């Protein structure tokens, strides 16, 4: 990614995140659906308290920095788990969606 593209990506990220400066994300719960800061819809398929993280898969993307089917990690307080400030910070959890799956296991593709 060139300097201009990186700048535009971070500018877009800033514009999204400034709407949530006082927002506290919901705690990720295994088997639940969430909307992220950029409008993506994600499914939490694993919460690992020992590792201090949750894992999500993107079902509907809300921006051009991610694709459907991509997996990523979150902190247990609902923020994107990354050491650096990148465009992916818009994948923090914005709201819990009232969508429930029927009882049974959900297979997450490798």
Protein backbone atom coordinates (compact mmCIF):
# COMPACT_ATOMS: atom_id res chain seq x y z
CA UNK A 1 0.00 0.00 0.00
CA UNK A 2 1.40 3.38 -0.99
CA UNK A 3 1.65 6.39 1.32
CA UNK A 4 -1.44 8.07 -0.16
CA UNK A 5 -3.53 4.90 0.14
CA UNK A 6 -2.37 4.38 3.73
CA UNK A 7 -3.22 7.99 4.57
CA UNK A 8 -6.69 7.69 3.02
CA UNK A 9 -7.30 4.42 4.88
CA UNK A 10 -6.37 5.98 8.22
CA UNK A 11 -8.43 9.09 7.45
CA UNK A 12 -11.46 6.90 6.72
CA UNK A 13 -10.81 5.01 9.97
CA UNK A 14 -10.63 8.25 11.94
CA UNK A 15 -13.91 9.45 10.44
CA UNK A 16 -15.63 6.24 11.52
CA UNK A 17 -14.08 6.09 14.97
CA UNK A 18 -14.81 9.72 15.92
CA UNK A 19 -18.50 8.74 16.12
CA UNK A 20 -17.67 6.31 18.94
CA UNK A 21 -15.29 8.26 21.19
CA UNK A 22 -17.50 7.69 24.26
CA UNK A 23 -18.88 4.30 23.20
CA UNK A 24 -18.22 1.23 25.31
CA UNK A 25 -18.43 -1.91 23.17
CA UNK A 26 -20.53 -4.88 24.25
CA UNK A 27 -18.69 -7.86 25.74
CA UNK A 28 -18.30 -10.57 23.07
CA UNK A 29 -20.35 -13.69 23.74
CA UNK A 30 -19.79 -16.95 21.92
CA UNK A 31 -22.51 -17.80 19.42
CA UNK A 32 -23.81 -14.22 19.05
CA UNK A 33 -23.90 -11.72 16.19
CA UNK A 34 -22.66 -8.13 16.36
CA UNK A 35 -22.48 -5.01 14.25
CA UNK A 36 -19.01 -3.41 14.21
CA UNK A 37 -18.07 0.27 14.07
CA UNK A 38 -17.85 0.16 10.27
CA UNK A 39 -21.23 -1.57 9.93
CA UNK A 40 -19.89 -5.09 9.34
CA UNK A 41 -21.87 -8.02 10.71
CA UNK A 42 -19.72 -10.54 12.60
CA UNK A 43 -20.29 -13.81 14.41
CA UNK A 44 -18.31 -14.63 17.58
CA UNK A 45 -17.39 -18.29 17.26
CA UNK A 46 -15.02 -18.57 20.21
CA UNK A 47 -14.38 -16.80 23.51
CA UNK A 48 -11.22 -17.90 25.28
CA UNK A 49 -10.93 -16.39 28.76
CA UNK A 50 -7.55 -18.06 29.38
CA UNK A 51 -6.08 -16.36 26.29
CA UNK A 52 -8.00 -13.13 26.91
CA UNK A 53 -9.51 -13.00 23.44
CA UNK A 54 -12.54 -13.73 21.33
CA UNK A 55 -12.54 -14.85 17.69
CA UNK A 56 -14.95 -13.57 15.05
CA UNK A 57 -15.76 -14.22 11.41
CA UNK A 58 -17.05 -11.48 9.13
CA UNK A 59 -20.38 -12.35 7.55
CA UNK A 60 -21.12 -9.01 5.87
CA UNK A 61 -18.43 -6.41 5.39
CA UNK A 62 -19.07 -2.75 6.04
CA UNK A 63 -15.87 -1.40 4.49
CA UNK A 64 -13.31 -2.22 1.85
CA UNK A 65 -10.52 -3.18 4.30
CA UNK A 66 -11.95 -6.61 5.06
CA UNK A 67 -13.77 -9.37 3.22
CA UNK A 68 -16.58 -11.74 4.10
CA UNK A 69 -15.14 -14.89 5.62
CA UNK A 70 -12.13 -13.14 7.15
CA UNK A 71 -11.46 -14.07 10.76
CA UNK A 72 -9.97 -11.82 13.42
CA UNK A 73 -9.47 -11.56 17.17
CA UNK A 74 -11.02 -9.22 19.69
CA UNK A 75 -10.13 -8.38 23.24
CA UNK A 76 -12.60 -9.58 25.85
CA UNK A 77 -13.90 -6.03 26.16
CA UNK A 78 -14.95 -5.94 22.48
CA UNK A 79 -12.11 -4.04 20.81
CA UNK A 80 -10.15 -5.27 17.77
CA UNK A 81 -7.05 -7.03 19.11
CA UNK A 82 -4.03 -5.33 17.54
CA UNK A 83 -0.85 -3.72 18.81
CA UNK A 84 -0.92 -0.94 16.21
CA UNK A 85 -3.58 1.55 15.20
CA UNK A 86 -4.71 0.32 11.80
CA UNK A 87 -7.85 0.43 9.70
CA UNK A 88 -8.98 -2.78 11.36
CA UNK A 89 -9.79 -0.96 14.61
CA UNK A 90 -13.21 -0.27 13.02
CA UNK A 91 -13.94 -3.97 13.65
CA UNK A 92 -14.53 -3.34 17.35
CA UNK A 93 -18.02 -4.33 18.49
CA UNK A 94 -20.59 -1.57 18.24
CA UNK A 95 -23.80 -3.44 19.15
CA UNK A 96 -25.14 -6.89 19.96
CA UNK A 97 -27.71 -7.97 17.37
CA UNK A 98 -30.84 -9.82 18.40
CA UNK A 99 -30.22 -12.80 16.13
CA UNK A 100 -30.25 -16.32 17.52
CA UNK A 101 -29.31 -19.57 15.83
CA UNK A 102 -31.19 -22.78 16.49
CA UNK A 103 -29.60 -25.04 19.09
CA UNK A 104 -26.63 -27.07 17.89
CA UNK A 105 -23.06 -26.56 16.83
CA UNK A 106 -22.08 -24.05 14.17
CA UNK A 107 -19.23 -25.12 11.92
CA UNK A 108 -16.75 -22.36 11.13
CA UNK A 109 -14.83 -23.18 7.92
CA UNK A 110 -11.04 -23.36 8.16
